[in-house]
Amino acid sequence: MSIPAFRRSRMVSFRLSPGEYETFAKLCPELGVRSISDIARIALQHLAAARGGSDPLAFEVRDLRSQLKVMVDEVDRIADIVQTRTVSKAGLD
């Protein structure tokens, strides 16, 4: 079972030519990102920062904090399940 990814609530959609898609898809592993969406998000963050918006690093830190909270919540949930099963099993002995 994988840990659920941080869920974003807004979606932006745009079209790429087959060549653009292939170029960006090849960039993903080189940049260490999961998808073309990640490339687009990073590019938009840099554009916003260049125009006087927030620092791209601030976007990343906020995103990482949100993802960490999701993971902590999931670990807590799993720990509760393990503890419940351990207590139930101990009661059967």
N, C-alpha and C. Protein backbone atom coordinates (compact mmCIF):
# COMPACT_ATOMS: atom_id res chain seq x y z
N MET A 1 0.84 -1.18 0.00
CA MET A 1 0.00 0.00 0.00
C MET A 1 0.89 1.24 0.00
N SER A 2 0.62 2.18 -0.89
CA SER A 2 1.43 3.38 -0.94
C SER A 2 0.80 4.47 -0.09
N ILE A 3 1.64 5.40 0.32
CA ILE A 3 1.16 6.53 1.11
C ILE A 3 0.48 7.50 0.16
N PRO A 4 -0.71 7.98 0.51
CA PRO A 4 -1.40 8.89 -0.40
C PRO A 4 -0.61 10.17 -0.60
N ALA A 5 -0.56 10.64 -1.82
CA ALA A 5 0.15 11.88 -2.13
C ALA A 5 -0.67 13.06 -1.65
N PHE A 6 0.01 14.17 -1.43
CA PHE A 6 -0.67 15.40 -1.06
C PHE A 6 -1.65 15.75 -2.16
N ARG A 7 -2.86 16.06 -1.80
CA ARG A 7 -3.88 16.35 -2.80
C ARG A 7 -4.02 17.85 -2.99
N ARG A 8 -3.90 18.26 -4.21
CA ARG A 8 -4.10 19.67 -4.55
C ARG A 8 -5.54 19.82 -4.99
N SER A 9 -6.10 21.00 -4.79
CA SER A 9 -7.53 21.16 -5.05
C SER A 9 -7.85 21.85 -6.37
N ARG A 10 -6.87 22.39 -7.04
CA ARG A 10 -7.11 23.09 -8.31
C ARG A 10 -6.36 22.41 -9.44
N MET A 11 -6.96 22.44 -10.62
CA MET A 11 -6.32 21.81 -11.77
C MET A 11 -6.19 22.82 -12.89
N VAL A 12 -5.05 22.79 -13.56
CA VAL A 12 -4.81 23.61 -14.74
C VAL A 12 -4.53 22.65 -15.88
N SER A 13 -5.13 22.90 -17.01
CA SER A 13 -4.97 22.00 -18.14
C SER A 13 -4.47 22.78 -19.36
N PHE A 14 -3.54 22.19 -20.09
CA PHE A 14 -3.09 22.78 -21.35
C PHE A 14 -2.62 21.68 -22.27
N ARG A 15 -2.57 21.97 -23.54
CA ARG A 15 -2.21 20.97 -24.54
C ARG A 15 -0.76 21.14 -24.97
N LEU A 16 -0.13 20.01 -25.28
CA LEU A 16 1.24 19.99 -25.79
C LEU A 16 1.26 19.27 -27.13
N SER A 17 2.18 19.66 -27.96
CA SER A 17 2.37 18.90 -29.20
C SER A 17 3.04 17.58 -28.83
N PRO A 18 2.98 16.59 -29.70
CA PRO A 18 3.67 15.33 -29.40
C PRO A 18 5.16 15.52 -29.11
N GLY A 19 5.80 16.43 -29.83
CA GLY A 19 7.22 16.70 -29.62
C GLY A 19 7.48 17.34 -28.27
N GLU A 20 6.63 18.30 -27.89
CA GLU A 20 6.77 18.93 -26.58
C GLU A 20 6.59 17.90 -25.47
N TYR A 21 5.56 17.06 -25.63
CA TYR A 21 5.29 16.04 -24.61
C TYR A 21 6.50 15.12 -24.44
N GLU A 22 7.04 14.67 -25.56
CA GLU A 22 8.19 13.76 -25.52
C GLU A 22 9.40 14.44 -24.86
N THR A 23 9.63 15.70 -25.21
CA THR A 23 10.74 16.45 -24.62
C THR A 23 10.59 16.56 -23.11
N PHE A 24 9.39 16.94 -22.66
CA PHE A 24 9.16 17.12 -21.22
C PHE A 24 9.16 15.78 -20.48
N ALA A 25 8.64 14.74 -21.13
CA ALA A 25 8.64 13.42 -20.50
C ALA A 25 10.07 12.93 -20.27
N LYS A 26 10.96 13.22 -21.22
CA LYS A 26 12.36 12.82 -21.07
C LYS A 26 13.06 13.65 -19.99
N LEU A 27 12.58 14.87 -19.75
CA LEU A 27 13.18 15.72 -18.72
C LEU A 27 12.86 15.27 -17.30
N CYS A 28 11.72 14.60 -17.12
CA CYS A 28 11.29 14.21 -15.77
C CYS A 28 12.37 13.48 -14.98
N PRO A 29 12.93 12.37 -15.49
CA PRO A 29 13.97 11.69 -14.72
C PRO A 29 15.23 12.54 -14.52
N GLU A 30 15.55 13.34 -15.52
CA GLU A 30 16.73 14.19 -15.41
C GLU A 30 16.58 15.23 -14.30
N LEU A 31 15.35 15.74 -14.15
CA LEU A 31 15.08 16.76 -13.13
C LEU A 31 14.69 16.15 -11.79
N GLY A 32 14.46 14.84 -11.79
CA GLY A 32 14.08 14.17 -10.55
C GLY A 32 12.64 14.45 -10.13
N VAL A 33 11.77 14.66 -11.13
CA VAL A 33 10.35 14.90 -10.84
C VAL A 33 9.53 13.73 -11.35
N ARG A 34 8.31 13.62 -10.82
CA ARG A 34 7.46 12.48 -11.16
C ARG A 34 6.73 12.64 -12.49
N SER A 35 6.45 13.89 -12.87
CA SER A 35 5.58 14.06 -14.03
C SER A 35 5.79 15.41 -14.70
N ILE A 36 5.19 15.55 -15.86
CA ILE A 36 5.20 16.82 -16.58
C ILE A 36 4.47 17.88 -15.76
N SER A 37 3.46 17.47 -15.01
CA SER A 37 2.75 18.41 -14.14
C SER A 37 3.70 19.04 -13.13
N ASP A 38 4.62 18.24 -12.59
CA ASP A 38 5.61 18.78 -11.65
C ASP A 38 6.51 19.81 -12.32
N ILE A 39 6.90 19.53 -13.57
CA ILE A 39 7.72 20.49 -14.31
C ILE A 39 6.95 21.79 -14.49
N ALA A 40 5.69 21.68 -14.89
CA ALA A 40 4.86 22.88 -15.10
C ALA A 40 4.70 23.66 -13.79
N ARG A 41 4.46 22.95 -12.69
CA ARG A 41 4.28 23.61 -11.39
C ARG A 41 5.55 24.37 -11.00
N ILE A 42 6.72 23.73 -11.17
CA ILE A 42 7.99 24.37 -10.84
C ILE A 42 8.22 25.60 -11.71
N ALA A 43 7.94 25.46 -13.01
CA ALA A 43 8.12 26.59 -13.92
C ALA A 43 7.22 27.76 -13.53
N LEU A 44 5.98 27.47 -13.16
CA LEU A 44 5.07 28.54 -12.76
C LEU A 44 5.52 29.18 -11.44
N GLN A 45 6.06 28.39 -10.54
CA GLN A 45 6.57 28.94 -9.28
C GLN A 45 7.74 29.89 -9.55
N HIS A 46 8.63 29.49 -10.46
CA HIS A 46 9.76 30.35 -10.81
C HIS A 46 9.28 31.62 -11.51
N LEU A 47 8.30 31.52 -12.36
CA LEU A 47 7.74 32.69 -13.04
C LEU A 47 7.14 33.66 -12.02
N ALA A 48 6.38 33.12 -11.07
CA ALA A 48 5.78 33.96 -10.03
C ALA A 48 6.86 34.65 -9.20
N ALA A 49 7.92 33.92 -8.87
CA ALA A 49 9.01 34.50 -8.08
C ALA A 49 9.72 35.61 -8.86
N ALA A 50 9.91 35.40 -10.15
CA ALA A 50 10.60 36.39 -10.98
C ALA A 50 9.78 37.67 -11.11
N ARG A 51 8.47 37.56 -10.99
CA ARG A 51 7.59 38.72 -11.12
C ARG A 51 7.26 39.34 -9.76
N GLY A 52 8.05 38.97 -8.75
CA GLY A 52 7.84 39.57 -7.44
C GLY A 52 6.92 38.77 -6.55
N GLY A 53 6.61 37.56 -6.96
CA GLY A 53 5.77 36.70 -6.13
C GLY A 53 6.61 36.02 -5.06
N SER A 54 6.12 34.94 -4.56
CA SER A 54 6.82 34.21 -3.51
C SER A 54 8.06 33.52 -4.05
N ASP A 55 8.98 33.27 -3.17
CA ASP A 55 10.19 32.53 -3.48
C ASP A 55 9.83 31.09 -3.81
N PRO A 56 10.36 30.51 -4.91
CA PRO A 56 10.04 29.12 -5.24
C PRO A 56 10.37 28.16 -4.10
N LEU A 57 11.40 28.47 -3.34
CA LEU A 57 11.74 27.62 -2.21
C LEU A 57 10.62 27.62 -1.18
N ALA A 58 9.97 28.77 -1.01
CA ALA A 58 8.85 28.84 -0.06
C ALA A 58 7.71 27.94 -0.53
N PHE A 59 7.45 27.90 -1.83
CA PHE A 59 6.44 27.00 -2.37
C PHE A 59 6.80 25.55 -2.04
N GLU A 60 8.06 25.19 -2.27
CA GLU A 60 8.51 23.83 -2.02
C GLU A 60 8.41 23.46 -0.55
N VAL A 61 8.82 24.37 0.32
CA VAL A 61 8.75 24.10 1.77
C VAL A 61 7.31 23.91 2.20
N ARG A 62 6.42 24.76 1.72
CA ARG A 62 4.99 24.64 2.05
C ARG A 62 4.44 23.30 1.55
N ASP A 63 4.82 22.94 0.34
CA ASP A 63 4.38 21.67 -0.24
C ASP A 63 4.93 20.48 0.56
N LEU A 64 6.19 20.53 0.91
CA LEU A 64 6.80 19.44 1.69
C LEU A 64 6.16 19.33 3.07
N ARG A 65 5.86 20.45 3.69
CA ARG A 65 5.19 20.41 5.00
C ARG A 65 3.83 19.74 4.88
N SER A 66 3.11 20.07 3.84
CA SER A 66 1.79 19.46 3.64
C SER A 66 1.91 17.96 3.41
N GLN A 67 2.87 17.57 2.59
CA GLN A 67 3.07 16.14 2.33
C GLN A 67 3.51 15.41 3.60
N LEU A 68 4.36 16.05 4.39
CA LEU A 68 4.81 15.45 5.64
C LEU A 68 3.63 15.24 6.59
N LYS A 69 2.71 16.20 6.64
CA LYS A 69 1.54 16.05 7.50
C LYS A 69 0.70 14.86 7.06
N VAL A 70 0.53 14.69 5.75
CA VAL A 70 -0.22 13.55 5.24
C VAL A 70 0.46 12.25 5.68
N MET A 71 1.79 12.20 5.57
CA MET A 71 2.51 10.98 5.95
C MET A 71 2.43 10.73 7.46
N VAL A 72 2.55 11.76 8.26
CA VAL A 72 2.45 11.61 9.71
C VAL A 72 1.06 11.10 10.08
N ASP A 73 0.04 11.65 9.45
CA ASP A 73 -1.33 11.19 9.72
C ASP A 73 -1.49 9.72 9.34
N GLU A 74 -0.89 9.31 8.24
CA GLU A 74 -0.97 7.92 7.80
C GLU A 74 -0.22 6.99 8.76
N VAL A 75 0.95 7.40 9.22
CA VAL A 75 1.71 6.60 10.19
C VAL A 75 0.92 6.48 11.49
N ASP A 76 0.30 7.57 11.93
CA ASP A 76 -0.52 7.52 13.15
C ASP A 76 -1.69 6.55 12.98
N ARG A 77 -2.30 6.58 11.81
CA ARG A 77 -3.43 5.68 11.54
C ARG A 77 -2.98 4.23 11.58
N ILE A 78 -1.85 3.94 10.96
CA ILE A 78 -1.31 2.57 10.94
C ILE A 78 -0.92 2.14 12.35
N ALA A 79 -0.31 3.05 13.12
CA ALA A 79 0.08 2.72 14.50
C ALA A 79 -1.16 2.39 15.34
N ASP A 80 -2.25 3.12 15.13
CA ASP A 80 -3.49 2.82 15.85
C ASP A 80 -4.01 1.43 15.50
N ILE A 81 -3.94 1.07 14.22
CA ILE A 81 -4.40 -0.25 13.78
C ILE A 81 -3.54 -1.33 14.43
N VAL A 82 -2.23 -1.16 14.41
CA VAL A 82 -1.32 -2.15 15.00
C VAL A 82 -1.58 -2.27 16.49
N GLN A 83 -1.73 -1.15 17.17
CA GLN A 83 -1.98 -1.18 18.61
C GLN A 83 -3.30 -1.87 18.93
N THR A 84 -4.34 -1.58 18.16
CA THR A 84 -5.64 -2.22 18.37
C THR A 84 -5.54 -3.73 18.18
N ARG A 85 -4.84 -4.14 17.13
CA ARG A 85 -4.68 -5.58 16.88
C ARG A 85 -3.85 -6.25 17.97
N THR A 86 -2.83 -5.56 18.46
CA THR A 86 -1.98 -6.11 19.52
C THR A 86 -2.78 -6.28 20.81
N VAL A 87 -3.59 -5.27 21.15
CA VAL A 87 -4.41 -5.34 22.35
C VAL A 87 -5.47 -6.44 22.22
N SER A 88 -6.08 -6.53 21.03
CA SER A 88 -7.09 -7.57 20.80
C SER A 88 -6.48 -8.95 20.88
N LYS A 89 -5.29 -9.11 20.31
CA LYS A 89 -4.61 -10.41 20.32
C LYS A 89 -4.21 -10.78 21.75
N ALA A 90 -3.76 -9.81 22.52
CA ALA A 90 -3.33 -10.05 23.92
C ALA A 90 -4.53 -10.49 24.75
N GLY A 91 -5.71 -9.97 24.41
CA GLY A 91 -6.91 -10.35 25.15
C GLY A 91 -7.36 -11.78 24.86
N LEU A 92 -6.90 -12.33 23.74
CA LEU A 92 -7.27 -13.70 23.37
C LEU A 92 -6.37 -14.74 24.03
N ASP A 93 -5.21 -14.29 24.52
CA ASP A 93 -4.27 -15.24 25.13
C ASP A 93 -4.66 -15.65 26.52
